[in-house]
């Protein structure tokens, strides 16, 4: 996990909402050039989506966008 992913998880865990944040992932493209799309959901509501050529990069970007939209800093 990276900075924003940790920040997002810590925010909800400190409020005893341990399972509030969930992730949906999808991949597309040929095996040698996969593209990952990660969707961040908070309590079932889609908050952000990001796409990148690495799964971890897409997840971190989706977490960054979610933190920004939710005012978590």
Protein backbone atom coordinates (compact mmCIF):
# COMPACT_ATOMS: atom_id res chain seq x y z
CA UNK A 1 0.00 0.00 0.00
CA UNK A 2 1.08 3.52 -0.62
CA UNK A 3 0.46 6.85 0.99
CA UNK A 4 -3.11 7.60 -0.12
CA UNK A 5 -4.31 4.02 0.16
CA UNK A 6 -3.04 3.92 3.75
CA UNK A 7 -4.51 7.35 4.51
CA UNK A 8 -7.93 6.28 3.24
CA UNK A 9 -7.89 3.01 5.20
CA UNK A 10 -6.67 4.68 8.40
CA UNK A 11 -9.38 7.33 8.17
CA UNK A 12 -12.17 4.77 8.20
CA UNK A 13 -10.49 2.34 10.60
CA UNK A 14 -10.05 5.12 13.18
CA UNK A 15 -13.82 5.59 12.99
CA UNK A 16 -14.38 1.84 13.53
CA UNK A 17 -15.71 1.42 9.99
CA UNK A 18 -13.30 -1.38 9.20
CA UNK A 19 -14.97 -2.59 6.01
CA UNK A 20 -16.13 0.74 4.60
CA UNK A 21 -13.53 0.85 1.80
CA UNK A 22 -13.71 -1.78 -0.94
CA UNK A 23 -12.05 -2.08 -4.33
CA UNK A 24 -13.21 -3.37 -7.69
CA UNK A 25 -10.60 -4.15 -10.32
CA UNK A 26 -10.67 -4.83 -14.02
CA UNK A 27 -7.98 -5.47 -16.57
CA UNK A 28 -8.03 -4.97 -20.29
CA UNK A 29 -5.71 -5.17 -23.24
CA UNK A 30 -3.32 -7.83 -24.48
CA UNK A 31 -1.30 -9.84 -21.93
CA UNK A 32 1.91 -7.99 -22.78
CA UNK A 33 0.33 -4.55 -22.28
CA UNK A 34 -2.37 -4.84 -19.61
CA UNK A 35 -4.27 -1.82 -18.42
CA UNK A 36 -5.71 -1.90 -14.90
CA UNK A 37 -8.78 0.01 -13.75
CA UNK A 38 -9.38 0.24 -10.01
CA UNK A 39 -12.58 1.58 -8.51
CA UNK A 40 -12.72 2.79 -4.92
CA UNK A 41 -16.03 2.35 -3.13
CA UNK A 42 -16.93 3.64 0.30
CA UNK A 43 -19.85 1.83 1.87
CA UNK A 44 -20.87 0.61 -1.58
CA UNK A 45 -20.81 4.02 -3.27
CA UNK A 46 -18.31 4.58 -6.09
CA UNK A 47 -16.02 7.44 -5.08
CA UNK A 48 -13.27 7.25 -7.68
CA UNK A 49 -11.81 5.27 -10.56
CA UNK A 50 -8.32 5.30 -12.05
CA UNK A 51 -6.57 3.44 -14.86
CA UNK A 52 -2.85 2.72 -15.25
CA UNK A 53 -0.51 0.10 -16.68
CA UNK A 54 0.29 -1.16 -13.17
CA UNK A 55 -2.35 -2.30 -10.71
CA UNK A 56 -0.67 -0.61 -7.73
CA UNK A 57 -0.42 2.71 -9.57
CA UNK A 58 -4.10 2.63 -10.52
CA UNK A 59 -5.10 1.82 -6.93
CA UNK A 60 -2.98 4.61 -5.47
CA UNK A 61 -4.38 7.13 -7.96
CA UNK A 62 -7.95 6.06 -7.19
CA UNK A 63 -7.17 6.41 -3.47
CA UNK A 64 -5.68 9.88 -4.05
CA UNK A 65 -8.80 11.01 -5.90
CA UNK A 66 -11.03 9.52 -3.18
CA UNK A 67 -9.11 11.31 -0.42
CA UNK A 68 -9.42 14.57 -2.32
CA UNK A 69 -13.16 14.16 -2.92
CA UNK A 70 -13.83 13.13 0.68
CA UNK A 71 -11.66 15.85 2.22
CA UNK A 72 -9.25 13.40 3.83
CA UNK A 73 -5.76 14.81 4.27
